[in-house]
PDB file of N, CA and C in Angstrom:
ATOM      1  N   MET A   1     -25.905  21.499   6.689  1.00  0.00           N
ATOM      2  CA  MET A   1     -24.728  22.039   6.379  1.00  0.00           C
ATOM      3  C   MET A   1     -23.676  21.665   7.709  1.00  0.00           C
ATOM      4  N   VAL A   2     -22.472  20.947   7.227  1.00  0.00           N
ATOM      5  CA  VAL A   2     -21.709  20.310   8.257  1.00  0.00           C
ATOM      6  C   VAL A   2     -20.353  21.069   8.271  1.00  0.00           C
ATOM      7  N   SER A   3     -19.728  21.345   9.092  1.00  0.00           N
ATOM      8  CA  SER A   3     -18.540  22.063   9.113  1.00  0.00           C
ATOM      9  C   SER A   3     -17.292  21.114   8.928  1.00  0.00           C
ATOM     10  N   ARG A   4     -16.149  21.582   8.553  1.00  0.00           N
ATOM     11  CA  ARG A   4     -15.049  20.778   8.209  1.00  0.00           C
ATOM     12  C   ARG A   4     -14.455  20.163   9.596  1.00  0.00           C
ATOM     13  N   GLU A   5     -14.648  20.846  10.688  1.00  0.00           N
ATOM     14  CA  GLU A   5     -14.156  20.436  11.868  1.00  0.00           C
ATOM     15  C   GLU A   5     -15.079  19.167  12.350  1.00  0.00           C
ATOM     16  N   THR A   6     -16.236  19.129  12.095  1.00  0.00           N
ATOM     17  CA  THR A   6     -17.213  18.075  12.357  1.00  0.00           C
ATOM     18  C   THR A   6     -16.731  16.948  11.547  1.00  0.00           C
ATOM     19  N   VAL A   7     -16.526  16.875  10.444  1.00  0.00           N
ATOM     20  CA  VAL A   7     -15.947  15.892   9.510  1.00  0.00           C
ATOM     21  C   VAL A   7     -14.646  15.391   9.976  1.00  0.00           C
ATOM     22  N   ARG A   8     -13.888  16.354  10.420  1.00  0.00           N
ATOM     23  CA  ARG A   8     -12.420  15.992  10.913  1.00  0.00           C
ATOM     24  C   ARG A   8     -12.720  15.037  12.105  1.00  0.00           C
ATOM     25  N   ASN A   9     -13.580  15.457  12.906  1.00  0.00           N
ATOM     26  CA  ASN A   9     -13.819  14.785  14.227  1.00  0.00           C
ATOM     27  C   ASN A   9     -14.339  13.451  14.129  1.00  0.00           C
ATOM     28  N   TRP A  10     -15.408  13.252  12.969  1.00  0.00           N
ATOM     29  CA  TRP A  10     -15.768  11.963  12.619  1.00  0.00           C
ATOM     30  C   TRP A  10     -14.712  11.009  12.159  1.00  0.00           C
ATOM     31  N   VAL A  11     -13.948  11.594  11.198  1.00  0.00           N
ATOM     32  CA  VAL A  11     -12.862  10.811  10.664  1.00  0.00           C
ATOM     33  C   VAL A  11     -11.842  10.317  11.795  1.00  0.00           C
ATOM     34  N   ASN A  12     -11.694  10.977  12.817  1.00  0.00           N
ATOM     35  CA  ASN A  12     -10.625  10.678  13.926  1.00  0.00           C
ATOM     36  C   ASN A  12     -11.317   9.727  14.822  1.00  0.00           C
ATOM     37  N   ARG A  13     -12.686   9.878  14.789  1.00  0.00           N
ATOM     38  CA  ARG A  13     -13.422   8.930  15.766  1.00  0.00           C
ATOM     39  C   ARG A  13     -13.749   7.633  15.066  1.00  0.00           C
ATOM     40  N   PHE A  14     -14.233   7.444  13.819  1.00  0.00           N
ATOM     41  CA  PHE A  14     -14.609   6.405  13.243  1.00  0.00           C
ATOM     42  C   PHE A  14     -13.748   5.842  12.133  1.00  0.00           C
ATOM     43  N   GLY A  15     -12.701   6.659  11.618  1.00  0.00           N
ATOM     44  CA  GLY A  15     -12.019   6.345  10.323  1.00  0.00           C
ATOM     45  C   GLY A  15     -11.290   5.002  10.661  1.00  0.00           C
ATOM     46  N   ARG A  16     -10.565   4.779  11.748  1.00  0.00           N
ATOM     47  CA  ARG A  16      -9.845   3.469  11.931  1.00  0.00           C
ATOM     48  C   ARG A  16     -10.881   2.415  11.921  1.00  0.00           C
ATOM     49  N   HIS A  17     -11.966   2.417  12.416  1.00  0.00           N
ATOM     50  CA  HIS A  17     -12.915   1.316  12.434  1.00  0.00           C
ATOM     51  C   HIS A  17     -13.408   0.932  10.964  1.00  0.00           C
ATOM     52  N   PHE A  18     -13.799   1.947  10.259  1.00  0.00           N
ATOM     53  CA  PHE A  18     -14.060   1.939   8.738  1.00  0.00           C
ATOM     54  C   PHE A  18     -12.887   1.185   7.945  1.00  0.00           C
ATOM     55  N   ALA A  19     -11.774   1.507   8.254  1.00  0.00           N
ATOM     56  CA  ALA A  19     -10.492   1.110   7.418  1.00  0.00           C
ATOM     57  C   ALA A  19     -10.212  -0.348   7.757  1.00  0.00           C
ATOM     58  N   ASP A  20     -10.539  -0.727   9.171  1.00  0.00           N
ATOM     59  CA  ASP A  20     -10.334  -2.043   9.738  1.00  0.00           C
ATOM     60  C   ASP A  20     -11.560  -3.058   8.941  1.00  0.00           C
ATOM     61  N   CYS A  21     -12.509  -2.466   8.824  1.00  0.00           N
ATOM     62  CA  CYS A  21     -13.698  -3.234   8.296  1.00  0.00           C
ATOM     63  C   CYS A  21     -13.409  -3.421   6.779  1.00  0.00           C
ATOM     64  N   ILE A  22     -12.910  -2.515   6.114  1.00  0.00           N
ATOM     65  CA  ILE A  22     -12.671  -2.799   4.762  1.00  0.00           C
ATOM     66  C   ILE A  22     -11.357  -3.663   4.369  1.00  0.00           C
ATOM     67  N   LYS A  23     -10.323  -3.518   5.428  1.00  0.00           N
ATOM     68  CA  LYS A  23      -9.355  -4.648   5.237  1.00  0.00           C
ATOM     69  C   LYS A  23      -9.656  -6.019   5.555  1.00  0.00           C
ATOM     70  N   ARG A  24     -10.706  -6.028   6.608  1.00  0.00           N
ATOM     71  CA  ARG A  24     -11.108  -7.482   7.052  1.00  0.00           C
ATOM     72  C   ARG A  24     -11.897  -8.147   5.822  1.00  0.00           C
ATOM     73  N   ASP A  25     -12.780  -7.401   5.277  1.00  0.00           N
ATOM     74  CA  ASP A  25     -13.736  -7.939   4.145  1.00  0.00           C
ATOM     75  C   ASP A  25     -13.030  -8.087   2.786  1.00  0.00           C
ATOM     76  N   ARG A  26     -11.758  -7.695   2.675  1.00  0.00           N
ATOM     77  CA  ARG A  26     -10.886  -7.809   1.461  1.00  0.00           C
ATOM     78  C   ARG A  26     -10.602  -9.214   1.334  1.00  0.00           C
ATOM     79  N   PRO A  27     -10.519  -9.725  -0.060  1.00  0.00           N
ATOM     80  CA  PRO A  27     -10.134 -11.099  -0.248  1.00  0.00           C
ATOM     81  C   PRO A  27      -8.720 -11.259   0.221  1.00  0.00           C
ATOM     82  N   GLY A  28      -8.302 -12.442   0.577  1.00  0.00           N
ATOM     83  CA  GLY A  28      -6.810 -12.654   0.766  1.00  0.00           C
ATOM     84  C   GLY A  28      -5.976 -12.551  -0.460  1.00  0.00           C
ATOM     85  N   THR A  29      -4.736 -12.303  -0.330  1.00  0.00           N
ATOM     86  CA  THR A  29      -3.625 -12.321  -1.374  1.00  0.00           C
ATOM     87  C   THR A  29      -3.419 -13.783  -1.883  1.00  0.00           C
ATOM     88  N   SER A  30      -3.031 -13.834  -3.118  1.00  0.00           N
ATOM     89  CA  SER A  30      -2.488 -14.941  -3.650  1.00  0.00           C
ATOM     90  C   SER A  30      -1.070 -15.390  -3.383  1.00  0.00           C
ATOM     91  N   ASP A  31      -0.651 -16.510  -3.699  1.00  0.00           N
ATOM     92  CA  ASP A  31       0.821 -16.975  -3.317  1.00  0.00           C
ATOM     93  C   ASP A  31       1.848 -16.196  -4.404  1.00  0.00           C
ATOM     94  N   LYS A  32       1.393 -15.695  -5.473  1.00  0.00           N
ATOM     95  CA  LYS A  32       2.306 -15.271  -6.322  1.00  0.00           C
ATOM     96  C   LYS A  32       2.299 -13.960  -6.389  1.00  0.00           C
ATOM     97  N   TRP A  33       3.374 -13.148  -6.145  1.00  0.00           N
ATOM     98  CA  TRP A  33       3.548 -11.778  -6.155  1.00  0.00           C
ATOM     99  C   TRP A  33       4.345 -11.260  -7.271  1.00  0.00           C
ATOM    100  N   HIS A  34       4.302 -10.016  -7.774  1.00  0.00           N
ATOM    101  CA  HIS A  34       5.150  -9.433  -8.820  1.00  0.00           C
ATOM    102  C   HIS A  34       5.605  -8.152  -8.305  1.00  0.00           C
ATOM    103  N   LEU A  35       6.677  -7.732  -8.292  1.00  0.00           N
ATOM    104  CA  LEU A  35       7.198  -6.371  -8.267  1.00  0.00           C
ATOM    105  C   LEU A  35       7.495  -5.491  -9.298  1.00  0.00           C
ATOM    106  N   ASP A  36       6.795  -4.425  -9.390  1.00  0.00           N
ATOM    107  CA  ASP A  36       6.962  -3.556 -10.835  1.00  0.00           C
ATOM    108  C   ASP A  36       7.733  -2.365 -10.404  1.00  0.00           C
ATOM    109  N   GLU A  37       8.625  -2.007 -11.391  1.00  0.00           N
ATOM    110  CA  GLU A  37       9.301  -0.714 -11.177  1.00  0.00           C
ATOM    111  C   GLU A  37       9.001   0.075 -12.336  1.00  0.00           C
ATOM    112  N   VAL A  38       8.753   1.315 -12.068  1.00  0.00           N
ATOM    113  CA  VAL A  38       8.453   2.264 -13.172  1.00  0.00           C
ATOM    114  C   VAL A  38       9.073   3.748 -12.851  1.00  0.00           C
ATOM    115  N   VAL A  39       9.549   4.427 -13.708  1.00  0.00           N
ATOM    116  CA  VAL A  39      10.059   5.815 -13.421  1.00  0.00           C
ATOM    117  C   VAL A  39       8.879   6.834 -13.820  1.00  0.00           C
ATOM    118  N   VAL A  40       8.608   7.640 -12.913  1.00  0.00           N
ATOM    119  CA  VAL A  40       7.605   8.723 -13.096  1.00  0.00           C
ATOM    120  C   VAL A  40       8.119  10.006 -12.726  1.00  0.00           C
ATOM    121  N   PRO A  41       7.741  10.934 -13.544  1.00  0.00           N
ATOM    122  CA  PRO A  41       8.092  12.354 -13.210  1.00  0.00           C
ATOM    123  C   PRO A  41       6.965  12.947 -12.221  1.00  0.00           C
ATOM    124  N   ILE A  42       7.770  13.640 -11.248  1.00  0.00           N
ATOM    125  CA  ILE A  42       6.903  14.239 -10.183  1.00  0.00           C
ATOM    126  C   ILE A  42       7.580  15.666 -10.116  1.00  0.00           C
ATOM    127  N   ASN A  43       6.683  16.809 -10.653  1.00  0.00           N
ATOM    128  CA  ASN A  43       7.358  18.005 -10.503  1.00  0.00           C
ATOM    129  C   ASN A  43       8.609  18.175 -11.374  1.00  0.00           C
ATOM    130  N   GLY A  44       8.742  17.583 -12.521  1.00  0.00           N
ATOM    131  CA  GLY A  44       9.937  17.612 -13.155  1.00  0.00           C
ATOM    132  C   GLY A  44      10.917  16.849 -12.784  1.00  0.00           C
ATOM    133  N   GLU A  45      10.951  16.044 -11.707  1.00  0.00           N
ATOM    134  CA  GLU A  45      11.954  15.187 -11.366  1.00  0.00           C
ATOM    135  C   GLU A  45      11.647  13.799 -11.346  1.00  0.00           C
ATOM    136  N   LYS A  46      12.634  12.978 -11.656  1.00  0.00           N
ATOM    137  CA  LYS A  46      12.300  11.599 -11.900  1.00  0.00           C
ATOM    138  C   LYS A  46      12.468  10.725 -10.647  1.00  0.00           C
ATOM    139  N   PHE A  47      11.505  10.001 -10.321  1.00  0.00           N
ATOM    140  CA  PHE A  47      11.380   9.091  -9.296  1.00  0.00           C
ATOM    141  C   PHE A  47      11.111   7.690  -9.498  1.00  0.00           C
ATOM    142  N   ARG A  48      11.350   6.713  -8.754  1.00  0.00           N
ATOM    143  CA  ARG A  48      11.149   5.134  -8.874  1.00  0.00           C
ATOM    144  C   ARG A  48       9.886   4.832  -8.183  1.00  0.00           C
ATOM    145  N   LEU A  49       8.976   4.366  -8.776  1.00  0.00           N
ATOM    146  CA  LEU A  49       7.825   3.771  -8.183  1.00  0.00           C
ATOM    147  C   LEU A  49       7.925   2.285  -8.306  1.00  0.00           C
ATOM    148  N   TRP A  50       8.021   1.804  -7.070  1.00  0.00           N
ATOM    149  CA  TRP A  50       7.917   0.250  -6.779  1.00  0.00           C
ATOM    150  C   TRP A  50       6.630  -0.122  -6.407  1.00  0.00           C
ATOM    151  N   ARG A  51       5.956  -1.259  -6.906  1.00  0.00           N
ATOM    152  CA  ARG A  51       4.634  -1.540  -6.611  1.00  0.00           C
ATOM    153  C   ARG A  51       4.600  -3.118  -6.523  1.00  0.00           C
ATOM    154  N   ALA A  52       4.147  -3.565  -5.461  1.00  0.00           N
ATOM    155  CA  ALA A  52       3.997  -5.039  -5.255  1.00  0.00           C
ATOM    156  C   ALA A  52       2.636  -5.462  -5.549  1.00  0.00           C
ATOM    157  N   VAL A  53       2.450  -6.399  -6.397  1.00  0.00           N
ATOM    158  CA  VAL A  53       1.111  -6.830  -7.102  1.00  0.00           C
ATOM    159  C   VAL A  53       1.008  -8.376  -6.782  1.00  0.00           C
ATOM    160  N   ASP A  54      -0.155  -8.583  -6.416  1.00  0.00           N
ATOM    161  CA  ASP A  54      -0.217 -10.288  -6.449  1.00  0.00           C
ATOM    162  C   ASP A  54      -0.852 -10.763  -7.764  1.00  0.00           C
ATOM    163  N   ALA A  55      -1.192 -12.112  -7.862  1.00  0.00           N
ATOM    164  CA  ALA A  55      -1.754 -12.649  -9.104  1.00  0.00           C
ATOM    165  C   ALA A  55      -3.041 -12.197  -9.488  1.00  0.00           C
ATOM    166  N   ASN A  56      -3.621 -11.594  -8.480  1.00  0.00           N
ATOM    167  CA  ASN A  56      -5.090 -11.217  -8.847  1.00  0.00           C
ATOM    168  C   ASN A  56      -5.171  -9.883  -9.411  1.00  0.00           C
ATOM    169  N   GLY A  57      -4.092  -9.106  -9.323  1.00  0.00           N
ATOM    170  CA  GLY A  57      -3.807  -7.780  -9.531  1.00  0.00           C
ATOM    171  C   GLY A  57      -4.153  -6.822  -8.465  1.00  0.00           C
ATOM    172  N   THR A  58      -4.235  -7.377  -7.225  1.00  0.00           N
ATOM    173  CA  THR A  58      -4.474  -6.396  -6.058  1.00  0.00           C
ATOM    174  C   THR A  58      -3.159  -5.908  -5.769  1.00  0.00           C
ATOM    175  N   VAL A  59      -2.998  -4.481  -5.606  1.00  0.00           N
ATOM    176  CA  VAL A  59      -1.874  -3.812  -5.161  1.00  0.00           C
ATOM    177  C   VAL A  59      -1.777  -3.912  -3.522  1.00  0.00           C
ATOM    178  N   LEU A  60      -0.495  -4.529  -3.202  1.00  0.00           N
ATOM    179  CA  LEU A  60      -0.282  -4.729  -1.819  1.00  0.00           C
ATOM    180  C   LEU A  60       0.398  -3.731  -1.183  1.00  0.00           C
ATOM    181  N   ASP A  61       1.403  -2.977  -1.818  1.00  0.00           N
ATOM    182  CA  ASP A  61       2.061  -1.894  -1.343  1.00  0.00           C
ATOM    183  C   ASP A  61       2.866  -1.201  -2.322  1.00  0.00           C
ATOM    184  N   VAL A  62       3.191   0.246  -2.077  1.00  0.00           N
ATOM    185  CA  VAL A  62       3.665   1.024  -3.062  1.00  0.00           C
ATOM    186  C   VAL A  62       4.991   1.645  -2.361  1.00  0.00           C
ATOM    187  N   LEU A  63       5.944   1.861  -3.081  1.00  0.00           N
ATOM    188  CA  LEU A  63       7.133   2.723  -2.683  1.00  0.00           C
ATOM    189  C   LEU A  63       7.602   3.646  -3.687  1.00  0.00           C
ATOM    190  N   VAL A  64       7.822   4.828  -3.258  1.00  0.00           N
ATOM    191  CA  VAL A  64       8.349   5.820  -4.276  1.00  0.00           C
ATOM    192  C   VAL A  64       9.817   6.380  -3.633  1.00  0.00           C
ATOM    193  N   GLN A  65      10.712   6.238  -4.667  1.00  0.00           N
ATOM    194  CA  GLN A  65      12.107   6.811  -4.040  1.00  0.00           C
ATOM    195  C   GLN A  65      12.801   7.412  -5.245  1.00  0.00           C
ATOM    196  N   LYS A  66      13.681   8.355  -4.552  1.00  0.00           N
ATOM    197  CA  LYS A  66      14.390   9.254  -5.635  1.00  0.00           C
ATOM    198  C   LYS A  66      15.391   8.345  -6.447  1.00  0.00           C
ATOM    199  N   GLN A  67      16.149   7.601  -5.982  1.00  0.00           N
ATOM    200  CA  GLN A  67      17.247   6.853  -6.722  1.00  0.00           C
ATOM    201  C   GLN A  67      16.760   5.393  -6.732  1.00  0.00           C
ATOM    202  N   ARG A  68      17.432   4.677  -7.921  1.00  0.00           N
ATOM    203  CA  ARG A  68      17.080   3.246  -7.761  1.00  0.00           C
ATOM    204  C   ARG A  68      18.086   2.733  -6.699  1.00  0.00           C
ATOM    205  N   ASN A  69      17.652   1.867  -5.677  1.00  0.00           N
ATOM    206  CA  ASN A  69      18.404   1.487  -4.588  1.00  0.00           C
ATOM    207  C   ASN A  69      17.855   0.008  -4.311  1.00  0.00           C
ATOM    208  N   ALA A  70      18.683  -1.189  -4.601  1.00  0.00           N
ATOM    209  CA  ALA A  70      18.226  -2.321  -4.335  1.00  0.00           C
ATOM    210  C   ALA A  70      18.010  -2.774  -2.846  1.00  0.00           C
ATOM    211  N   LYS A  71      18.749  -2.063  -2.045  1.00  0.00           N
ATOM    212  CA  LYS A  71      18.716  -2.381  -0.605  1.00  0.00           C
ATOM    213  C   LYS A  71      17.191  -1.800  -0.055  1.00  0.00           C
ATOM    214  N   ALA A  72      16.790  -0.558  -0.634  1.00  0.00           N
ATOM    215  CA  ALA A  72      15.605  -0.121  -0.156  1.00  0.00           C
ATOM    216  C   ALA A  72      14.520  -1.013  -0.837  1.00  0.00           C
ATOM    217  N   ALA A  73      14.518  -1.562  -2.068  1.00  0.00           N
ATOM    218  CA  ALA A  73      13.711  -2.599  -2.633  1.00  0.00           C
ATOM    219  C   ALA A  73      13.731  -3.667  -1.756  1.00  0.00           C
ATOM    220  N   SER A  74      14.881  -4.251  -1.209  1.00  0.00           N
ATOM    221  CA  SER A  74      14.726  -5.372  -0.339  1.00  0.00           C
ATOM    222  C   SER A  74      13.966  -5.234   0.933  1.00  0.00           C
ATOM    223  N   ARG A  75      14.192  -3.988   1.620  1.00  0.00           N
ATOM    224  CA  ARG A  75      13.648  -3.669   2.753  1.00  0.00           C
ATOM    225  C   ARG A  75      11.974  -3.570   2.452  1.00  0.00           C
ATOM    226  N   PHE A  76      11.548  -2.984   1.301  1.00  0.00           N
ATOM    227  CA  PHE A  76      10.210  -2.926   0.919  1.00  0.00           C
ATOM    228  C   PHE A  76       9.672  -4.329   0.860  1.00  0.00           C
ATOM    229  N   LEU A  77      10.179  -5.409   0.243  1.00  0.00           N
ATOM    230  CA  LEU A  77       9.622  -6.616   0.285  1.00  0.00           C
ATOM    231  C   LEU A  77       9.713  -7.277   1.553  1.00  0.00           C
ATOM    232  N   LYS A  78      10.745  -7.342   2.246  1.00  0.00           N
ATOM    233  CA  LYS A  78      10.912  -7.861   3.545  1.00  0.00           C
ATOM    234  C   LYS A  78       9.699  -7.243   4.380  1.00  0.00           C
ATOM    235  N   ARG A  79       9.540  -5.923   4.395  1.00  0.00           N
ATOM    236  CA  ARG A  79       8.282  -5.285   5.228  1.00  0.00           C
ATOM    237  C   ARG A  79       6.982  -5.903   4.885  1.00  0.00           C
ATOM    238  N   LEU A  80       6.942  -6.051   3.501  1.00  0.00           N
ATOM    239  CA  LEU A  80       5.662  -6.666   3.038  1.00  0.00           C
ATOM    240  C   LEU A  80       5.372  -7.889   3.463  1.00  0.00           C
ATOM    241  N   ILE A  81       6.408  -9.025   3.418  1.00  0.00           N
ATOM    242  CA  ILE A  81       6.207 -10.284   3.906  1.00  0.00           C
ATOM    243  C   ILE A  81       5.931 -10.335   5.142  1.00  0.00           C
ATOM    244  N   ASP A  82       6.647  -9.448   6.050  1.00  0.00           N
ATOM    245  CA  ASP A  82       6.699  -9.794   7.364  1.00  0.00           C
ATOM    246  C   ASP A  82       5.351  -9.024   8.060  1.00  0.00           C
ATOM    247  N   ARG A  83       4.618  -8.501   7.152  1.00  0.00           N
ATOM    248  CA  ARG A  83       3.262  -7.887   7.715  1.00  0.00           C
ATOM    249  C   ARG A  83       2.361  -8.943   7.947  1.00  0.00           C
ATOM    250  N   PRO A  84       1.570  -8.744   9.274  1.00  0.00           N
ATOM    251  CA  PRO A  84       0.727  -9.839   9.660  1.00  0.00           C
ATOM    252  C   PRO A  84      -0.566 -10.108   8.685  1.00  0.00           C
ATOM    253  N   ASN A  85      -0.828 -11.232   8.565  1.00  0.00           N
ATOM    254  CA  ASN A  85      -1.960 -11.622   7.855  1.00  0.00           C
ATOM    255  C   ASN A  85      -1.835 -11.545   6.143  1.00  0.00           C
ATOM    256  N   TRP A  86      -0.586 -11.562   5.923  1.00  0.00           N
ATOM    257  CA  TRP A  86      -0.418 -11.462   4.399  1.00  0.00           C
ATOM    258  C   TRP A  86      -0.786 -12.622   3.565  1.00  0.00           C
ATOM    259  N   ARG A  87      -1.079 -13.657   4.173  1.00  0.00           N
ATOM    260  CA  ARG A  87      -1.258 -14.786   3.373  1.00  0.00           C
ATOM    261  C   ARG A  87      -2.878 -15.354   3.746  1.00  0.00           C
ATOM    262  N   ARG A  88      -3.539 -14.360   4.517  1.00  0.00           N
ATOM    263  CA  ARG A  88      -4.816 -14.586   4.738  1.00  0.00           C
ATOM    264  C   ARG A  88      -5.843 -14.932   3.568  1.00  0.00           C
ATOM    265  N   GLY A  89      -6.492 -16.191   3.626  1.00  0.00           N
ATOM    266  CA  GLY A  89      -7.158 -16.598   2.443  1.00  0.00           C
ATOM    267  C   GLY A  89      -6.598 -17.511   1.536  1.00  0.00           C
ATOM    268  N   SER A  90      -5.283 -17.712   1.773  1.00  0.00           N
ATOM    269  CA  SER A  90      -4.462 -18.683   0.843  1.00  0.00           C
ATOM    270  C   SER A  90      -4.825 -20.072   1.365  1.00  0.00           C
TER     271      SER A  90
END
């Protein structure tokens, strides 16, 4: 029997290492990306879900926002492009 506190301590101690290993071993993204937008209801309210996907179908990043906002979508893509190692494996 393991307590929740013990699991929380393990996550705090080893979680970042495991996440880094998973990201390191993931294949690199392809050169072609697509930006999908869909309206999703959450608790009866409509939200915009933006999703950046590469040609292999790998989800690169997700943004959920209340209103359709071109400036926010532009920032979303810029942040994604500026992220280090985004072309790893190309």
